Amino acid sequence: MYYNLDILKQVGLEVDDGVYPLLETYCNFLLEENAKYNLTAITDVEGVWNKHFADSMLGSVAIPQNASVCDIGTGAGFPAIPLKLVRNDIDVTLVDSLSKRVEFCKTLCQKLSVKASFFHERAEDFAKEHSEQFDIATARAVAPLNILLEYTAQTVKSDGAVVAYKTDLSELQASSHACALLGLNFEKHFDFTLSDGSRRSILVFRKIAHTPKIYPRGQNKPRKFPL
C-alpha cells in the first residue's frame, strides 16, 4: 500500500511513480528484518511512510545538486536511502557503528538497485579518516544537537554543511558553544508538520572554518563530556 507524500511538494520534490514500489519494498523489508534486529520502534506501515520516508526526504531542501552526502549513524538507512531514491543526483555514504545495521542497508540497497557506500565504523573514527571529504553530513535520531555536531563537523568540506534532523529548535541555543569550537555557524532551519501532526525541523549549520583535528574526540567523550 502506498501513502501520500504530498508534503514533499513543499520542498519542490515530485516523486516519480517508479519510486513508490521501491518504498514499498523498503517498508516490507524493514518490518520483516525489524523482528530480528530491532531497527525501528515504528512498526506500522503508515508510520514508516510518514515518519521515516517523508521525514527523511524533507531534508532535500538543504542539499544542493550533485552533493556528496555522508549519513552518520544511518541506522536502517535514514535519511540517506530515501533521499537517494528521490535525489539520484547525490552520492550517499552510510556510516554506522553496528554491523547488523550496515548489513541491513547493504542488502536493502541491493534490492532497490541503489548505489551507495557503506562503512561499519564509529562516527569518531570515520570522521578522522575522512576529514573534509563531503559536501553535506546528515544525522537523524543520533544524539543531542551539540553531540551530533561534534560527530559530523570534521567530515564536511569548507563551506559545506551539517544537516541535522530534529523535531524542533529547542536544542539550538545549547549548541552554540559546540558550533564555535567546531567551525560551524547556524545558518537556517526549515519547519514542517507531517500528515499525522508531528513537527519536524531541518537545521543547517554552515562550515565556516576548519574543524580542529582533535574533534571528534575518541573514547566516547562527545557523549560523556558534551561540548
C-alpha atoms as a PDB file:
ATOM      1  CA  MET A   1       0.000   0.000   0.000  1.00  0.00           C
ATOM      2  CA  TYR A   2       1.287   3.449  -0.918  1.00  0.00           C
ATOM      3  CA  TYR A   3       0.824   6.530   1.268  1.00  0.00           C
ATOM      4  CA  ASN A   4       0.512  10.203   0.488  1.00  0.00           C
ATOM      5  CA  LEU A   5       3.821  12.019   0.074  1.00  0.00           C
ATOM      6  CA  ASP A   6       2.316  15.352  -0.986  1.00  0.00           C
ATOM      7  CA  ILE A   7       4.201  17.111   1.812  1.00  0.00           C
ATOM      8  CA  LEU A   8       7.310  16.775  -0.361  1.00  0.00           C
ATOM      9  CA  LYS A   9       5.890  19.354  -2.757  1.00  0.00           C
ATOM     10  CA  GLN A  10       6.741  21.903  -0.067  1.00  0.00           C
ATOM     11  CA  VAL A  11      10.420  21.320  -0.831  1.00  0.00           C
ATOM     12  CA  GLY A  12       9.959  21.109  -4.592  1.00  0.00           C
ATOM     13  CA  LEU A  13      10.081  17.323  -4.819  1.00  0.00           C
ATOM     14  CA  GLU A  14       7.877  15.417  -7.242  1.00  0.00           C
ATOM     15  CA  VAL A  15       8.123  11.702  -6.518  1.00  0.00           C
ATOM     16  CA  ASP A  16       8.321   9.613  -9.687  1.00  0.00           C
ATOM     17  CA  ASP A  17       5.834   6.768  -9.963  1.00  0.00           C
ATOM     18  CA  GLY A  18       8.699   4.289 -10.061  1.00  0.00           C
ATOM     19  CA  VAL A  19       9.823   5.293  -6.574  1.00  0.00           C
ATOM     20  CA  TYR A  20       6.641   4.121  -4.852  1.00  0.00           C
ATOM     21  CA  PRO A  21       7.154   0.366  -5.392  1.00  0.00           C
ATOM     22  CA  LEU A  22      10.745   0.780  -4.193  1.00  0.00           C
ATOM     23  CA  LEU A  23       9.499   2.392  -0.996  1.00  0.00           C
ATOM     24  CA  GLU A  24       7.009  -0.442  -0.568  1.00  0.00           C
ATOM     25  CA  THR A  25       9.857  -2.950  -0.880  1.00  0.00           C
ATOM     26  CA  TYR A  26      11.882  -0.885   1.617  1.00  0.00           C
ATOM     27  CA  CYS A  27       8.988  -0.804   4.098  1.00  0.00           C
ATOM     28  CA  ASN A  28       8.272  -4.532   3.845  1.00  0.00           C
ATOM     29  CA  PHE A  29      11.936  -5.478   4.231  1.00  0.00           C
ATOM     30  CA  LEU A  30      12.372  -3.098   7.173  1.00  0.00           C
ATOM     31  CA  LEU A  31       9.417  -4.533   9.062  1.00  0.00           C
ATOM     32  CA  GLU A  32      10.451  -8.118   8.305  1.00  0.00           C
ATOM     33  CA  GLU A  33      14.013  -7.608   9.483  1.00  0.00           C
ATOM     34  CA  ASN A  34      12.952  -5.476  12.429  1.00  0.00           C
ATOM     35  CA  ALA A  35      11.627  -8.575  14.143  1.00  0.00           C
ATOM     36  CA  LYS A  36      15.220  -9.885  14.212  1.00  0.00           C
ATOM     37  CA  TYR A  37      17.288  -6.750  14.640  1.00  0.00           C
ATOM     38  CA  ASN A  38      15.152  -4.067  16.321  1.00  0.00           C
ATOM     39  CA  LEU A  39      15.860  -1.475  13.633  1.00  0.00           C
ATOM     40  CA  THR A  40      12.923   0.830  14.353  1.00  0.00           C
ATOM     41  CA  ALA A  41      10.324   1.497  17.037  1.00  0.00           C
ATOM     42  CA  ILE A  42       7.820   2.382  14.305  1.00  0.00           C
ATOM     43  CA  THR A  43       6.146  -0.855  13.245  1.00  0.00           C
ATOM     44  CA  ASP A  44       3.048   0.239  11.317  1.00  0.00           C
ATOM     45  CA  VAL A  45       3.228   0.769   7.567  1.00  0.00           C
ATOM     46  CA  GLU A  46       1.695   4.245   7.590  1.00  0.00           C
ATOM     47  CA  GLY A  47       4.119   5.307  10.310  1.00  0.00           C
ATOM     48  CA  VAL A  48       7.096   4.114   8.268  1.00  0.00           C
ATOM     49  CA  TRP A  49       5.957   6.083   5.204  1.00  0.00           C
ATOM     50  CA  ASN A  50       5.179   9.202   7.193  1.00  0.00           C
ATOM     51  CA  LYS A  51       7.751   9.324   9.995  1.00  0.00           C
ATOM     52  CA  HIS A  52      10.653   7.673   8.166  1.00  0.00           C
ATOM     53  CA  PHE A  53      10.274   8.117   4.409  1.00  0.00           C
ATOM     54  CA  ALA A  54       8.626  11.555   4.171  1.00  0.00           C
ATOM     55  CA  ASP A  55      10.649  12.883   7.087  1.00  0.00           C
ATOM     56  CA  SER A  56      13.936  11.727   5.542  1.00  0.00           C
ATOM     57  CA  MET A  57      13.106  13.159   2.117  1.00  0.00           C
ATOM     58  CA  LEU A  58      12.276  16.601   3.515  1.00  0.00           C
ATOM     59  CA  GLY A  59      15.995  17.119   4.103  1.00  0.00           C
ATOM     60  CA  SER A  60      16.338  17.520   0.333  1.00  0.00           C
ATOM     61  CA  VAL A  61      15.542  21.201   0.854  1.00  0.00           C
ATOM     62  CA  ALA A  62      19.017  21.666   2.384  1.00  0.00           C
ATOM     63  CA  ILE A  63      21.048  19.545  -0.050  1.00  0.00           C
ATOM     64  CA  PRO A  64      22.482  21.126  -3.232  1.00  0.00           C
ATOM     65  CA  GLN A  65      22.601  19.411  -6.599  1.00  0.00           C
ATOM     66  CA  ASN A  66      25.223  16.689  -7.073  1.00  0.00           C
ATOM     67  CA  ALA A  67      26.285  16.855  -3.426  1.00  0.00           C
ATOM     68  CA  SER A  68      28.318  14.165  -1.707  1.00  0.00           C
ATOM     69  CA  VAL A  69      26.361  13.212   1.413  1.00  0.00           C
ATOM     70  CA  CYS A  70      27.657  11.370   4.465  1.00  0.00           C
ATOM     71  CA  ASP A  71      24.963   9.958   6.752  1.00  0.00           C
ATOM     72  CA  ILE A  72      26.354   9.468  10.257  1.00  0.00           C
ATOM     73  CA  GLY A  73      24.533   6.909  12.415  1.00  0.00           C
ATOM     74  CA  THR A  74      22.411   5.809   9.473  1.00  0.00           C
ATOM     75  CA  GLY A  75      20.618   3.025  11.348  1.00  0.00           C
ATOM     76  CA  ALA A  76      18.118   1.487   8.924  1.00  0.00           C
ATOM     77  CA  GLY A  77      19.200   3.884   6.184  1.00  0.00           C
ATOM     78  CA  PHE A  78      17.500   7.082   7.308  1.00  0.00           C
ATOM     79  CA  PRO A  79      17.713   9.644   5.878  1.00  0.00           C
ATOM     80  CA  ALA A  80      20.261   8.632   3.215  1.00  0.00           C
ATOM     81  CA  ILE A  81      18.401   5.914   1.310  1.00  0.00           C
ATOM     82  CA  PRO A  82      15.019   7.695   0.979  1.00  0.00           C
ATOM     83  CA  LEU A  83      16.943  10.812  -0.074  1.00  0.00           C
ATOM     84  CA  LYS A  84      18.829   8.858  -2.726  1.00  0.00           C
ATOM     85  CA  LEU A  85      15.568   7.429  -4.083  1.00  0.00           C
ATOM     86  CA  VAL A  86      14.219  10.920  -4.818  1.00  0.00           C
ATOM     87  CA  ARG A  87      17.572  12.633  -5.474  1.00  0.00           C
ATOM     88  CA  ASN A  88      19.574  10.391  -7.760  1.00  0.00           C
ATOM     89  CA  ASP A  89      21.992  13.271  -8.379  1.00  0.00           C
ATOM     90  CA  ILE A  90      23.539  12.909  -4.914  1.00  0.00           C
ATOM     91  CA  ASP A  91      26.194  10.423  -3.780  1.00  0.00           C
ATOM     92  CA  VAL A  92      25.493   8.832  -0.414  1.00  0.00           C
ATOM     93  CA  THR A  93      27.798   7.232   2.138  1.00  0.00           C
ATOM     94  CA  LEU A  94      26.229   5.389   5.070  1.00  0.00           C
ATOM     95  CA  VAL A  95      28.073   5.063   8.378  1.00  0.00           C
ATOM     96  CA  ASP A  96      27.017   3.095  11.448  1.00  0.00           C
ATOM     97  CA  SER A  97      28.770   1.533  14.416  1.00  0.00           C
ATOM     98  CA  LEU A  98      26.646  -1.647  14.400  1.00  0.00           C
ATOM     99  CA  SER A  99      27.409  -4.280  11.764  1.00  0.00           C
ATOM    100  CA  LYS A 100      23.808  -5.564  11.674  1.00  0.00           C
ATOM    101  CA  ARG A 101      22.584  -2.151  10.562  1.00  0.00           C
ATOM    102  CA  VAL A 102      25.267  -1.823   7.899  1.00  0.00           C
ATOM    103  CA  GLU A 103      24.469  -5.302   6.564  1.00  0.00           C
ATOM    104  CA  PHE A 104      20.758  -4.457   6.502  1.00  0.00           C
ATOM    105  CA  CYS A 105      21.475  -1.325   4.466  1.00  0.00           C
ATOM    106  CA  LYS A 106      23.745  -3.197   2.047  1.00  0.00           C
ATOM    107  CA  THR A 107      21.101  -5.858   1.396  1.00  0.00           C
ATOM    108  CA  LEU A 108      18.384  -3.231   1.099  1.00  0.00           C
ATOM    109  CA  CYS A 109      20.350  -1.215  -1.461  1.00  0.00           C
ATOM    110  CA  GLN A 110      20.899  -4.361  -3.498  1.00  0.00           C
ATOM    111  CA  LYS A 111      17.154  -4.985  -3.505  1.00  0.00           C
ATOM    112  CA  LEU A 112      16.444  -1.391  -4.550  1.00  0.00           C
ATOM    113  CA  SER A 113      19.357  -1.127  -7.026  1.00  0.00           C
ATOM    114  CA  VAL A 114      20.589   1.888  -5.092  1.00  0.00           C
ATOM    115  CA  LYS A 115      24.258   2.821  -5.357  1.00  0.00           C
ATOM    116  CA  ALA A 116      25.815   3.752  -2.017  1.00  0.00           C
ATOM    117  CA  SER A 117      28.992   3.353   0.026  1.00  0.00           C
ATOM    118  CA  PHE A 118      28.977   1.701   3.448  1.00  0.00           C
ATOM    119  CA  PHE A 119      31.219   1.935   6.496  1.00  0.00           C
ATOM    120  CA  HIS A 120      30.965  -0.093   9.689  1.00  0.00           C
ATOM    121  CA  GLU A 121      32.774   2.345  11.972  1.00  0.00           C
ATOM    122  CA  ARG A 122      32.255   4.547  14.957  1.00  0.00           C
ATOM    123  CA  ALA A 123      31.496   8.119  13.948  1.00  0.00           C
ATOM    124  CA  GLU A 124      34.647   9.387  15.708  1.00  0.00           C
ATOM    125  CA  ASP A 125      36.933   7.066  13.740  1.00  0.00           C
ATOM    126  CA  PHE A 126      35.210   7.628  10.410  1.00  0.00           C
ATOM    127  CA  ALA A 127      35.403  11.414  10.778  1.00  0.00           C
ATOM    128  CA  LYS A 128      39.137  11.370  11.459  1.00  0.00           C
ATOM    129  CA  GLU A 129      39.762   9.136   8.427  1.00  0.00           C
ATOM    130  CA  HIS A 130      37.516  11.172   6.091  1.00  0.00           C
ATOM    131  CA  SER A 131      38.241  14.728   7.170  1.00  0.00           C
ATOM    132  CA  GLU A 132      36.551  17.373   4.997  1.00  0.00           C
ATOM    133  CA  GLN A 133      35.603  14.922   2.248  1.00  0.00           C
ATOM    134  CA  PHE A 134      31.853  15.590   1.981  1.00  0.00           C
ATOM    135  CA  ASP A 135      29.646  18.468   0.904  1.00  0.00           C
ATOM    136  CA  ILE A 136      26.929  17.519   3.388  1.00  0.00           C
ATOM    137  CA  ALA A 137      26.763  15.460   6.567  1.00  0.00           C
ATOM    138  CA  THR A 138      23.342  14.320   7.765  1.00  0.00           C
ATOM    139  CA  ALA A 139      22.316  12.990  11.161  1.00  0.00           C
ATOM    140  CA  ARG A 140      18.859  11.878  12.255  1.00  0.00           C
ATOM    141  CA  ALA A 141      17.877  10.458  15.653  1.00  0.00           C
ATOM    142  CA  VAL A 142      21.552  10.162  16.605  1.00  0.00           C
ATOM    143  CA  ALA A 143      22.203  12.316  19.671  1.00  0.00           C
ATOM    144  CA  PRO A 144      21.533  15.713  21.227  1.00  0.00           C
ATOM    145  CA  LEU A 145      22.475  18.500  18.835  1.00  0.00           C
ATOM    146  CA  ASN A 146      25.780  19.555  20.410  1.00  0.00           C
ATOM    147  CA  ILE A 147      26.939  15.925  20.362  1.00  0.00           C
ATOM    148  CA  LEU A 148      25.906  15.146  16.791  1.00  0.00           C
ATOM    149  CA  LEU A 149      27.629  18.328  15.582  1.00  0.00           C
ATOM    150  CA  GLU A 150      30.886  17.047  17.026  1.00  0.00           C
ATOM    151  CA  TYR A 151      30.373  13.688  15.294  1.00  0.00           C
ATOM    152  CA  THR A 152      29.728  15.289  11.901  1.00  0.00           C
ATOM    153  CA  ALA A 153      31.628  18.583  11.579  1.00  0.00           C
ATOM    154  CA  GLN A 154      35.021  17.074  10.732  1.00  0.00           C
ATOM    155  CA  THR A 155      33.622  15.197   7.717  1.00  0.00           C
ATOM    156  CA  VAL A 156      32.335  18.353   5.989  1.00  0.00           C
ATOM    157  CA  LYS A 157      34.307  20.417   3.472  1.00  0.00           C
ATOM    158  CA  SER A 158      34.854  24.126   3.950  1.00  0.00           C
ATOM    159  CA  ASP A 159      31.589  25.876   3.055  1.00  0.00           C
ATOM    160  CA  GLY A 160      29.780  22.554   3.275  1.00  0.00           C
ATOM    161  CA  ALA A 161      27.052  21.953   5.820  1.00  0.00           C
ATOM    162  CA  VAL A 162      25.786  19.692   8.558  1.00  0.00           C
ATOM    163  CA  VAL A 163      22.072  18.977   8.119  1.00  0.00           C
ATOM    164  CA  ALA A 164      20.515  17.917  11.410  1.00  0.00           C
ATOM    165  CA  TYR A 165      17.056  16.378  11.649  1.00  0.00           C
ATOM    166  CA  LYS A 166      15.207  17.437  14.788  1.00  0.00           C
ATOM    167  CA  THR A 167      11.624  17.791  15.992  1.00  0.00           C
ATOM    168  CA  ASP A 168      12.067  21.478  16.862  1.00  0.00           C
ATOM    169  CA  LEU A 169      14.652  24.146  17.725  1.00  0.00           C
ATOM    170  CA  SER A 170      14.769  23.512  21.463  1.00  0.00           C
ATOM    171  CA  GLU A 171      18.410  22.287  21.407  1.00  0.00           C
ATOM    172  CA  LEU A 172      19.738  25.120  19.269  1.00  0.00           C
ATOM    173  CA  GLN A 173      20.829  27.524  21.993  1.00  0.00           C
ATOM    174  CA  ALA A 174      22.743  24.812  23.845  1.00  0.00           C
ATOM    175  CA  SER A 175      24.694  24.020  20.664  1.00  0.00           C
ATOM    176  CA  SER A 176      26.245  27.490  20.231  1.00  0.00           C
ATOM    177  CA  HIS A 177      29.421  26.611  22.161  1.00  0.00           C
ATOM    178  CA  ALA A 178      29.924  23.475  20.074  1.00  0.00           C
ATOM    179  CA  CYS A 179      29.486  25.482  16.872  1.00  0.00           C
ATOM    180  CA  ALA A 180      32.155  27.960  17.925  1.00  0.00           C
ATOM    181  CA  LEU A 181      34.656  25.197  18.666  1.00  0.00           C
ATOM    182  CA  LEU A 182      33.887  23.149  15.549  1.00  0.00           C
ATOM    183  CA  GLY A 183      33.955  25.914  12.931  1.00  0.00           C
ATOM    184  CA  LEU A 184      30.222  25.825  12.297  1.00  0.00           C
ATOM    185  CA  ASN A 185      27.652  28.583  12.043  1.00  0.00           C
ATOM    186  CA  PHE A 186      23.910  28.027  12.348  1.00  0.00           C
ATOM    187  CA  GLU A 187      22.531  29.266   9.045  1.00  0.00           C
ATOM    188  CA  LYS A 188      18.813  28.456   8.800  1.00  0.00           C
ATOM    189  CA  HIS A 189      16.066  25.997   9.547  1.00  0.00           C
ATOM    190  CA  PHE A 190      13.076  24.581   7.740  1.00  0.00           C
ATOM    191  CA  ASP A 191       9.969  23.602   9.722  1.00  0.00           C
ATOM    192  CA  PHE A 192       7.340  21.069   8.670  1.00  0.00           C
ATOM    193  CA  THR A 193       4.274  19.350  10.037  1.00  0.00           C
ATOM    194  CA  LEU A 194       3.829  15.754   8.908  1.00  0.00           C
ATOM    195  CA  SER A 195       0.420  14.390   7.984  1.00  0.00           C
ATOM    196  CA  ASP A 196      -0.050  12.931  11.465  1.00  0.00           C
ATOM    197  CA  GLY A 197       0.638  16.319  13.081  1.00  0.00           C
ATOM    198  CA  SER A 198       4.232  15.555  14.088  1.00  0.00           C
ATOM    199  CA  ARG A 199       6.585  18.535  13.958  1.00  0.00           C
ATOM    200  CA  ARG A 200       9.936  18.391  12.163  1.00  0.00           C
ATOM    201  CA  SER A 201      12.792  20.848  11.800  1.00  0.00           C
ATOM    202  CA  ILE A 202      15.725  20.599   9.402  1.00  0.00           C
ATOM    203  CA  LEU A 203      18.648  22.608  10.824  1.00  0.00           C
ATOM    204  CA  VAL A 204      21.514  23.735   8.585  1.00  0.00           C
ATOM    205  CA  PHE A 205      24.968  24.505  10.018  1.00  0.00           C
ATOM    206  CA  ARG A 206      27.494  26.005   7.585  1.00  0.00           C
ATOM    207  CA  LYS A 207      31.195  25.085   7.842  1.00  0.00           C
ATOM    208  CA  ILE A 208      32.920  28.463   8.057  1.00  0.00           C
ATOM    209  CA  ALA A 209      36.310  27.333   9.399  1.00  0.00           C
ATOM    210  CA  HIS A 210      38.356  24.169   9.564  1.00  0.00           C
ATOM    211  CA  THR A 211      37.335  21.895  12.415  1.00  0.00           C
ATOM    212  CA  PRO A 212      40.306  21.333  14.766  1.00  0.00           C
ATOM    213  CA  LYS A 213      41.782  17.863  14.324  1.00  0.00           C
ATOM    214  CA  ILE A 214      41.074  16.949  17.946  1.00  0.00           C
ATOM    215  CA  TYR A 215      37.367  16.676  17.057  1.00  0.00           C
ATOM    216  CA  PRO A 216      35.532  14.436  17.262  1.00  0.00           C
ATOM    217  CA  ARG A 217      37.111  13.184  20.458  1.00  0.00           C
ATOM    218  CA  GLY A 218      37.542   9.439  20.995  1.00  0.00           C
ATOM    219  CA  GLN A 219      36.691   7.166  23.935  1.00  0.00           C
ATOM    220  CA  ASN A 220      33.033   8.226  23.805  1.00  0.00           C
ATOM    221  CA  LYS A 221      33.959  11.678  25.133  1.00  0.00           C
ATOM    222  CA  PRO A 222      31.390  13.521  22.956  1.00  0.00           C
ATOM    223  CA  ARG A 223      28.654  11.808  24.965  1.00  0.00           C
ATOM    224  CA  LYS A 224      30.416  11.735  28.334  1.00  0.00           C
ATOM    225  CA  PHE A 225      31.608  15.331  28.175  1.00  0.00           C
ATOM    226  CA  PRO A 226      29.486  17.222  25.588  1.00  0.00           C
ATOM    227  CA  LEU A 227      30.795  20.474  24.193  1.00  0.00           C
END
